[in-house]
Amino acid sequence: MDVNTESFVSQLVKLVAEAGLKDVEVIGGGKDWISDVEREGLKRGLHVTVHNLASA
């Protein structure tokens, strides 16, 4: 992910949560991206699992 804005992450996680998903897997990404997804996931009751791109 080259572009990371708070509003993009917020809207993405919102759509995932509204789809009824409770678990999300993130494969790779920068520290800020992962941190933002985890934070937004917590707000919406999503469990976020992060996998290192090298081990995926």
N, C-alpha and C. Protein backbone atom coordinates (compact mmCIF):
# COMPACT_ATOMS: atom_id res chain seq x y z
N MET A 1 0.84 -1.17 0.00
CA MET A 1 0.00 0.00 0.00
C MET A 1 0.89 1.23 0.00
N ASP A 2 0.85 1.99 -1.06
CA ASP A 2 1.69 3.18 -1.15
C ASP A 2 1.04 4.41 -0.54
N VAL A 3 -0.29 4.44 -0.56
CA VAL A 3 -1.00 5.60 -0.04
C VAL A 3 -1.82 5.17 1.16
N ASN A 4 -1.66 5.87 2.24
CA ASN A 4 -2.37 5.53 3.46
C ASN A 4 -2.92 6.81 4.07
N THR A 5 -4.23 6.92 4.06
CA THR A 5 -4.85 8.06 4.73
C THR A 5 -5.80 7.50 5.77
N GLU A 6 -6.00 8.26 6.81
CA GLU A 6 -6.88 7.82 7.89
C GLU A 6 -8.29 7.58 7.36
N SER A 7 -8.75 8.44 6.47
CA SER A 7 -10.12 8.28 5.97
C SER A 7 -10.25 7.03 5.10
N PHE A 8 -9.22 6.69 4.33
CA PHE A 8 -9.26 5.48 3.51
C PHE A 8 -9.34 4.25 4.39
N VAL A 9 -8.48 4.17 5.38
CA VAL A 9 -8.47 3.02 6.28
C VAL A 9 -9.79 2.93 7.03
N SER A 10 -10.28 4.05 7.51
CA SER A 10 -11.53 4.08 8.25
C SER A 10 -12.68 3.56 7.38
N GLN A 11 -12.77 4.03 6.15
CA GLN A 11 -13.84 3.60 5.26
C GLN A 11 -13.69 2.13 4.87
N LEU A 12 -12.47 1.68 4.63
CA LEU A 12 -12.24 0.28 4.28
C LEU A 12 -12.69 -0.64 5.42
N VAL A 13 -12.26 -0.33 6.63
CA VAL A 13 -12.63 -1.16 7.78
C VAL A 13 -14.13 -1.09 8.03
N LYS A 14 -14.72 0.08 7.84
CA LYS A 14 -16.16 0.23 8.00
C LYS A 14 -16.91 -0.69 7.04
N LEU A 15 -16.51 -0.72 5.78
CA LEU A 15 -17.16 -1.58 4.79
C LEU A 15 -17.00 -3.06 5.13
N VAL A 16 -15.83 -3.43 5.60
CA VAL A 16 -15.59 -4.83 6.00
C VAL A 16 -16.50 -5.19 7.17
N ALA A 17 -16.58 -4.31 8.16
CA ALA A 17 -17.43 -4.58 9.33
C ALA A 17 -18.90 -4.63 8.94
N GLU A 18 -19.33 -3.74 8.06
CA GLU A 18 -20.72 -3.72 7.63
C GLU A 18 -21.09 -4.97 6.82
N ALA A 19 -20.08 -5.61 6.23
CA ALA A 19 -20.31 -6.85 5.49
C ALA A 19 -20.50 -8.03 6.43
N GLY A 20 -20.31 -7.79 7.72
CA GLY A 20 -20.55 -8.82 8.72
C GLY A 20 -19.34 -9.66 9.08
N LEU A 21 -18.18 -9.29 8.58
CA LEU A 21 -16.97 -10.03 8.91
C LEU A 21 -16.50 -9.68 10.31
N LYS A 22 -15.93 -10.65 11.00
CA LYS A 22 -15.42 -10.43 12.36
C LYS A 22 -13.90 -10.60 12.44
N ASP A 23 -13.32 -11.25 11.43
CA ASP A 23 -11.88 -11.49 11.39
C ASP A 23 -11.33 -11.00 10.06
N VAL A 24 -10.17 -10.35 10.11
CA VAL A 24 -9.52 -9.82 8.93
C VAL A 24 -8.05 -10.22 8.97
N GLU A 25 -7.53 -10.68 7.83
CA GLU A 25 -6.11 -10.98 7.73
C GLU A 25 -5.45 -9.93 6.86
N VAL A 26 -4.38 -9.34 7.37
CA VAL A 26 -3.60 -8.36 6.64
C VAL A 26 -2.27 -9.02 6.31
N ILE A 27 -1.92 -9.03 5.04
CA ILE A 27 -0.66 -9.63 4.61
C ILE A 27 0.25 -8.52 4.13
N GLY A 28 1.30 -8.29 4.90
CA GLY A 28 2.26 -7.26 4.56
C GLY A 28 1.73 -5.87 4.85
N GLY A 29 2.51 -4.88 4.49
CA GLY A 29 2.14 -3.49 4.69
C GLY A 29 3.10 -2.80 5.63
N GLY A 30 3.10 -1.49 5.55
CA GLY A 30 3.97 -0.70 6.40
C GLY A 30 3.44 -0.63 7.82
N LYS A 31 4.29 -0.19 8.72
CA LYS A 31 3.91 -0.10 10.14
C LYS A 31 2.69 0.79 10.34
N ASP A 32 2.65 1.92 9.65
CA ASP A 32 1.53 2.84 9.82
C ASP A 32 0.23 2.23 9.32
N TRP A 33 0.28 1.57 8.17
CA TRP A 33 -0.90 0.92 7.59
C TRP A 33 -1.45 -0.13 8.56
N ILE A 34 -0.57 -0.99 9.03
CA ILE A 34 -0.97 -2.06 9.94
C ILE A 34 -1.53 -1.48 11.23
N SER A 35 -0.86 -0.49 11.77
CA SER A 35 -1.32 0.15 13.01
C SER A 35 -2.70 0.77 12.83
N ASP A 36 -2.90 1.44 11.71
CA ASP A 36 -4.19 2.08 11.44
C ASP A 36 -5.30 1.05 11.27
N VAL A 37 -5.03 -0.04 10.57
CA VAL A 37 -6.04 -1.09 10.39
C VAL A 37 -6.38 -1.73 11.73
N GLU A 38 -5.37 -2.00 12.54
CA GLU A 38 -5.63 -2.59 13.85
C GLU A 38 -6.47 -1.65 14.72
N ARG A 39 -6.13 -0.38 14.72
CA ARG A 39 -6.86 0.60 15.53
C ARG A 39 -8.32 0.71 15.08
N GLU A 40 -8.53 0.83 13.79
CA GLU A 40 -9.89 0.93 13.27
C GLU A 40 -10.66 -0.37 13.48
N GLY A 41 -9.97 -1.49 13.37
CA GLY A 41 -10.61 -2.77 13.62
C GLY A 41 -11.12 -2.89 15.04
N LEU A 42 -10.32 -2.44 15.98
CA LEU A 42 -10.74 -2.46 17.39
C LEU A 42 -12.00 -1.62 17.60
N LYS A 43 -12.06 -0.49 16.95
CA LYS A 43 -13.23 0.39 17.08
C LYS A 43 -14.50 -0.30 16.60
N ARG A 44 -14.35 -1.19 15.62
CA ARG A 44 -15.51 -1.82 14.98
C ARG A 44 -15.69 -3.29 15.35
N GLY A 45 -14.91 -3.75 16.34
CA GLY A 45 -15.07 -5.12 16.80
C GLY A 45 -14.50 -6.18 15.87
N LEU A 46 -13.52 -5.79 15.04
CA LEU A 46 -12.87 -6.75 14.14
C LEU A 46 -11.59 -7.27 14.77
N HIS A 47 -11.35 -8.55 14.60
CA HIS A 47 -10.08 -9.14 15.01
C HIS A 47 -9.16 -9.09 13.80
N VAL A 48 -8.02 -8.42 13.93
CA VAL A 48 -7.08 -8.26 12.83
C VAL A 48 -5.86 -9.12 13.09
N THR A 49 -5.54 -9.99 12.13
CA THR A 49 -4.34 -10.81 12.17
C THR A 49 -3.38 -10.30 11.10
N VAL A 50 -2.13 -10.06 11.48
CA VAL A 50 -1.14 -9.54 10.54
C VAL A 50 -0.12 -10.61 10.23
N HIS A 51 0.12 -10.84 8.93
CA HIS A 51 1.13 -11.79 8.49
C HIS A 51 2.24 -11.03 7.78
N ASN A 52 3.46 -11.38 8.10
CA ASN A 52 4.61 -10.80 7.43
C ASN A 52 4.61 -11.25 5.98
N LEU A 53 4.83 -10.34 5.06
CA LEU A 53 4.79 -10.64 3.63
C LEU A 53 5.80 -11.74 3.26
N ALA A 54 6.93 -11.76 3.92
CA ALA A 54 7.96 -12.75 3.62
C ALA A 54 7.53 -14.17 3.99
N SER A 55 6.65 -14.29 4.98
CA SER A 55 6.25 -15.62 5.42
C SER A 55 4.88 -16.02 4.88
N ALA A 56 4.27 -15.14 4.08
CA ALA A 56 2.92 -15.42 3.55
C ALA A 56 2.96 -16.39 2.38
